[in-house]
């Protein structure tokens, strides 16, 4: 088996599905002390800084949340976990995942706690969605 074409850096962000954005913002701000981050009102998405990482709140009741799995009672409301990595060559990542029989669900360039970088989305053997995201290819404005 091939070795990963990257070095783990840590978690970049986690996405929580919510159905009451105001209550979610109050909780993460007042209870945990998270600081407002990026805002994507057209998507019904707010991002909060939790140290150097982001907690992303995605309102499934917002019209921009179409296609998002609905929040489920009992706390099963995590969309995906993003793992930050060292730089990698996209072709090496594709080959590595293929060598392990992992199906890529999406490949994209997305924003996160470290800026906008190359991402691969795939599932673990239990159905959890993971995003592996390289470092910023260019900054996204955080100063």
C-alpha atoms as a PDB file:
ATOM      1  CA  UNK A   1       0.000   0.000   0.000  1.00  0.00           C
ATOM      2  CA  UNK A   2       1.114   3.520  -0.673  1.00  0.00           C
ATOM      3  CA  UNK A   3       2.005   5.968   2.082  1.00  0.00           C
ATOM      4  CA  UNK A   4      -0.053   9.161   2.283  1.00  0.00           C
ATOM      5  CA  UNK A   5       1.265  11.968   0.047  1.00  0.00           C
ATOM      6  CA  UNK A   6       0.897  14.488   2.887  1.00  0.00           C
ATOM      7  CA  UNK A   7       1.587  15.108   6.587  1.00  0.00           C
ATOM      8  CA  UNK A   8      -1.301  15.638   9.001  1.00  0.00           C
ATOM      9  CA  UNK A   9      -1.559  19.188  10.347  1.00  0.00           C
ATOM     10  CA  UNK A  10      -4.754  18.910  12.417  1.00  0.00           C
ATOM     11  CA  UNK A  11      -8.423  19.721  12.110  1.00  0.00           C
ATOM     12  CA  UNK A  12      -9.408  22.631   9.900  1.00  0.00           C
ATOM     13  CA  UNK A  13     -13.134  22.814  10.591  1.00  0.00           C
ATOM     14  CA  UNK A  14     -16.224  20.876  11.563  1.00  0.00           C
ATOM     15  CA  UNK A  15     -19.675  21.543  10.093  1.00  0.00           C
ATOM     16  CA  UNK A  16     -22.747  21.298  12.339  1.00  0.00           C
ATOM     17  CA  UNK A  17     -26.242  21.179  10.865  1.00  0.00           C
ATOM     18  CA  UNK A  18     -28.652  23.414  12.820  1.00  0.00           C
ATOM     19  CA  UNK A  19     -32.249  24.523  12.401  1.00  0.00           C
ATOM     20  CA  UNK A  20     -32.114  27.705  14.517  1.00  0.00           C
ATOM     21  CA  UNK A  21     -29.152  29.882  13.565  1.00  0.00           C
ATOM     22  CA  UNK A  22     -29.823  32.553  16.214  1.00  0.00           C
ATOM     23  CA  UNK A  23     -29.820  29.976  19.013  1.00  0.00           C
ATOM     24  CA  UNK A  24     -26.710  28.291  17.594  1.00  0.00           C
ATOM     25  CA  UNK A  25     -24.812  31.589  17.393  1.00  0.00           C
ATOM     26  CA  UNK A  26     -25.826  32.466  20.967  1.00  0.00           C
ATOM     27  CA  UNK A  27     -24.657  29.079  22.267  1.00  0.00           C
ATOM     28  CA  UNK A  28     -21.297  28.972  20.501  1.00  0.00           C
ATOM     29  CA  UNK A  29     -20.616  32.628  21.268  1.00  0.00           C
ATOM     30  CA  UNK A  30     -21.808  32.859  24.877  1.00  0.00           C
ATOM     31  CA  UNK A  31     -21.118  29.326  26.120  1.00  0.00           C
ATOM     32  CA  UNK A  32     -17.893  28.524  24.278  1.00  0.00           C
ATOM     33  CA  UNK A  33     -16.612  32.028  23.534  1.00  0.00           C
ATOM     34  CA  UNK A  34     -16.277  31.455  19.786  1.00  0.00           C
ATOM     35  CA  UNK A  35     -15.583  34.567  17.747  1.00  0.00           C
ATOM     36  CA  UNK A  36     -17.581  35.447  14.605  1.00  0.00           C
ATOM     37  CA  UNK A  37     -15.783  34.453  11.431  1.00  0.00           C
ATOM     38  CA  UNK A  38     -16.900  34.306   7.829  1.00  0.00           C
ATOM     39  CA  UNK A  39     -20.561  34.719   6.965  1.00  0.00           C
ATOM     40  CA  UNK A  40     -22.339  33.219   3.955  1.00  0.00           C
ATOM     41  CA  UNK A  41     -25.945  34.439   4.308  1.00  0.00           C
ATOM     42  CA  UNK A  42     -26.964  33.229   0.836  1.00  0.00           C
ATOM     43  CA  UNK A  43     -26.149  29.680   1.983  1.00  0.00           C
ATOM     44  CA  UNK A  44     -27.533  30.036   5.506  1.00  0.00           C
ATOM     45  CA  UNK A  45     -24.022  29.446   6.821  1.00  0.00           C
ATOM     46  CA  UNK A  46     -22.059  31.160   9.596  1.00  0.00           C
ATOM     47  CA  UNK A  47     -18.501  30.349  10.603  1.00  0.00           C
ATOM     48  CA  UNK A  48     -17.097  30.920  14.077  1.00  0.00           C
ATOM     49  CA  UNK A  49     -13.463  30.870  15.168  1.00  0.00           C
ATOM     50  CA  UNK A  50     -12.724  28.272  17.836  1.00  0.00           C
ATOM     51  CA  UNK A  51      -9.059  29.023  18.438  1.00  0.00           C
ATOM     52  CA  UNK A  52      -7.313  28.551  15.083  1.00  0.00           C
ATOM     53  CA  UNK A  53     -10.083  26.269  13.758  1.00  0.00           C
ATOM     54  CA  UNK A  54     -13.573  26.977  12.509  1.00  0.00           C
ATOM     55  CA  UNK A  55     -16.945  25.736  13.674  1.00  0.00           C
ATOM     56  CA  UNK A  56     -19.299  26.057  10.722  1.00  0.00           C
ATOM     57  CA  UNK A  57     -23.034  26.329  11.413  1.00  0.00           C
ATOM     58  CA  UNK A  58     -25.247  25.415   8.457  1.00  0.00           C
ATOM     59  CA  UNK A  59     -28.949  26.221   8.833  1.00  0.00           C
ATOM     60  CA  UNK A  60     -30.883  23.396   7.175  1.00  0.00           C
ATOM     61  CA  UNK A  61     -34.098  25.437   7.373  1.00  0.00           C
ATOM     62  CA  UNK A  62     -32.606  28.217   5.196  1.00  0.00           C
ATOM     63  CA  UNK A  63     -33.507  28.201   1.486  1.00  0.00           C
ATOM     64  CA  UNK A  64     -29.768  28.128   0.700  1.00  0.00           C
ATOM     65  CA  UNK A  65     -29.519  24.840   2.585  1.00  0.00           C
ATOM     66  CA  UNK A  66     -31.323  22.905  -0.134  1.00  0.00           C
ATOM     67  CA  UNK A  67     -29.768  19.519  -0.680  1.00  0.00           C
ATOM     68  CA  UNK A  68     -28.296  19.427   2.823  1.00  0.00           C
ATOM     69  CA  UNK A  69     -29.267  16.445   4.901  1.00  0.00           C
ATOM     70  CA  UNK A  70     -31.832  17.477   7.504  1.00  0.00           C
ATOM     71  CA  UNK A  71     -30.765  17.785  11.120  1.00  0.00           C
ATOM     72  CA  UNK A  72     -31.623  14.671  13.074  1.00  0.00           C
ATOM     73  CA  UNK A  73     -32.859  14.607  16.678  1.00  0.00           C
ATOM     74  CA  UNK A  74     -30.387  13.180  19.147  1.00  0.00           C
ATOM     75  CA  UNK A  75     -27.307  15.135  18.100  1.00  0.00           C
ATOM     76  CA  UNK A  76     -26.519  13.436  14.781  1.00  0.00           C
ATOM     77  CA  UNK A  77     -26.018  16.764  13.065  1.00  0.00           C
ATOM     78  CA  UNK A  78     -22.422  16.739  11.853  1.00  0.00           C
ATOM     79  CA  UNK A  79     -22.036  17.111   8.117  1.00  0.00           C
ATOM     80  CA  UNK A  80     -18.307  16.400   7.813  1.00  0.00           C
ATOM     81  CA  UNK A  81     -14.903  16.683   9.458  1.00  0.00           C
ATOM     82  CA  UNK A  82     -12.143  18.521   7.624  1.00  0.00           C
ATOM     83  CA  UNK A  83      -8.564  17.395   8.258  1.00  0.00           C
ATOM     84  CA  UNK A  84      -5.815  19.891   7.461  1.00  0.00           C
ATOM     85  CA  UNK A  85      -2.694  18.550   5.737  1.00  0.00           C
ATOM     86  CA  UNK A  86       0.659  19.588   4.386  1.00  0.00           C
ATOM     87  CA  UNK A  87       0.870  20.461   0.683  1.00  0.00           C
ATOM     88  CA  UNK A  88       0.107  17.582  -1.669  1.00  0.00           C
ATOM     89  CA  UNK A  89      -0.077  16.977  -5.385  1.00  0.00           C
ATOM     90  CA  UNK A  90      -3.709  16.338  -6.367  1.00  0.00           C
ATOM     91  CA  UNK A  91      -2.654  13.505  -8.690  1.00  0.00           C
ATOM     92  CA  UNK A  92      -0.758  11.842  -5.819  1.00  0.00           C
ATOM     93  CA  UNK A  93      -3.841  12.149  -3.605  1.00  0.00           C
ATOM     94  CA  UNK A  94      -6.056  10.595  -6.277  1.00  0.00           C
ATOM     95  CA  UNK A  95      -3.603   7.699  -6.686  1.00  0.00           C
ATOM     96  CA  UNK A  96      -3.269   7.187  -2.932  1.00  0.00           C
ATOM     97  CA  UNK A  97      -7.037   7.052  -2.364  1.00  0.00           C
ATOM     98  CA  UNK A  98      -7.508   4.731  -5.344  1.00  0.00           C
ATOM     99  CA  UNK A  99      -4.796   2.404  -4.007  1.00  0.00           C
ATOM    100  CA  UNK A 100      -6.836   2.069  -0.828  1.00  0.00           C
ATOM    101  CA  UNK A 101     -10.125   1.539  -2.647  1.00  0.00           C
ATOM    102  CA  UNK A 102     -11.508   4.904  -1.501  1.00  0.00           C
ATOM    103  CA  UNK A 103     -14.036   6.632  -3.761  1.00  0.00           C
ATOM    104  CA  UNK A 104     -13.661  10.394  -4.084  1.00  0.00           C
ATOM    105  CA  UNK A 105     -17.098  12.012  -3.755  1.00  0.00           C
ATOM    106  CA  UNK A 106     -15.948  15.540  -4.544  1.00  0.00           C
ATOM    107  CA  UNK A 107     -12.737  17.354  -5.400  1.00  0.00           C
ATOM    108  CA  UNK A 108     -12.814  21.119  -5.058  1.00  0.00           C
ATOM    109  CA  UNK A 109     -11.044  24.285  -3.994  1.00  0.00           C
ATOM    110  CA  UNK A 110     -12.744  25.543  -0.807  1.00  0.00           C
ATOM    111  CA  UNK A 111     -12.187  27.962   2.043  1.00  0.00           C
ATOM    112  CA  UNK A 112     -11.462  27.030   5.614  1.00  0.00           C
ATOM    113  CA  UNK A 113      -9.528  28.136   8.676  1.00  0.00           C
ATOM    114  CA  UNK A 114      -6.235  28.336   6.755  1.00  0.00           C
ATOM    115  CA  UNK A 115      -7.618  29.954   3.605  1.00  0.00           C
ATOM    116  CA  UNK A 116      -8.708  28.572   0.272  1.00  0.00           C
ATOM    117  CA  UNK A 117      -7.104  25.291  -0.732  1.00  0.00           C
ATOM    118  CA  UNK A 118      -7.550  22.005  -2.571  1.00  0.00           C
ATOM    119  CA  UNK A 119      -9.954  19.521  -0.936  1.00  0.00           C
ATOM    120  CA  UNK A 120     -10.920  15.898  -1.423  1.00  0.00           C
ATOM    121  CA  UNK A 121     -14.153  14.547   0.075  1.00  0.00           C
ATOM    122  CA  UNK A 122     -14.653  10.842   0.765  1.00  0.00           C
ATOM    123  CA  UNK A 123     -16.261   8.573   3.371  1.00  0.00           C
ATOM    124  CA  UNK A 124     -14.727   6.427   6.058  1.00  0.00           C
ATOM    125  CA  UNK A 125     -15.842   2.764   6.263  1.00  0.00           C
ATOM    126  CA  UNK A 126     -18.686   3.796   8.575  1.00  0.00           C
ATOM    127  CA  UNK A 127     -20.210   6.381   6.238  1.00  0.00           C
ATOM    128  CA  UNK A 128     -18.751   9.512   7.877  1.00  0.00           C
ATOM    129  CA  UNK A 129     -17.876  12.205   5.369  1.00  0.00           C
ATOM    130  CA  UNK A 130     -14.280  13.437   5.577  1.00  0.00           C
ATOM    131  CA  UNK A 131     -12.617  16.337   3.815  1.00  0.00           C
ATOM    132  CA  UNK A 132      -8.831  16.312   3.446  1.00  0.00           C
ATOM    133  CA  UNK A 133      -7.706  19.870   2.743  1.00  0.00           C
ATOM    134  CA  UNK A 134      -4.290  21.152   1.784  1.00  0.00           C
ATOM    135  CA  UNK A 135      -2.911  24.523   2.877  1.00  0.00           C
ATOM    136  CA  UNK A 136      -4.067  27.824   1.429  1.00  0.00           C
ATOM    137  CA  UNK A 137      -3.315  28.322  -2.226  1.00  0.00           C
ATOM    138  CA  UNK A 138      -4.168  31.960  -1.666  1.00  0.00           C
ATOM    139  CA  UNK A 139      -5.445  33.837   1.385  1.00  0.00           C
ATOM    140  CA  UNK A 140      -9.143  34.446   1.863  1.00  0.00           C
ATOM    141  CA  UNK A 141      -8.936  37.819   3.573  1.00  0.00           C
ATOM    142  CA  UNK A 142      -8.441  36.977   7.233  1.00  0.00           C
ATOM    143  CA  UNK A 143      -6.088  39.547   8.626  1.00  0.00           C
END
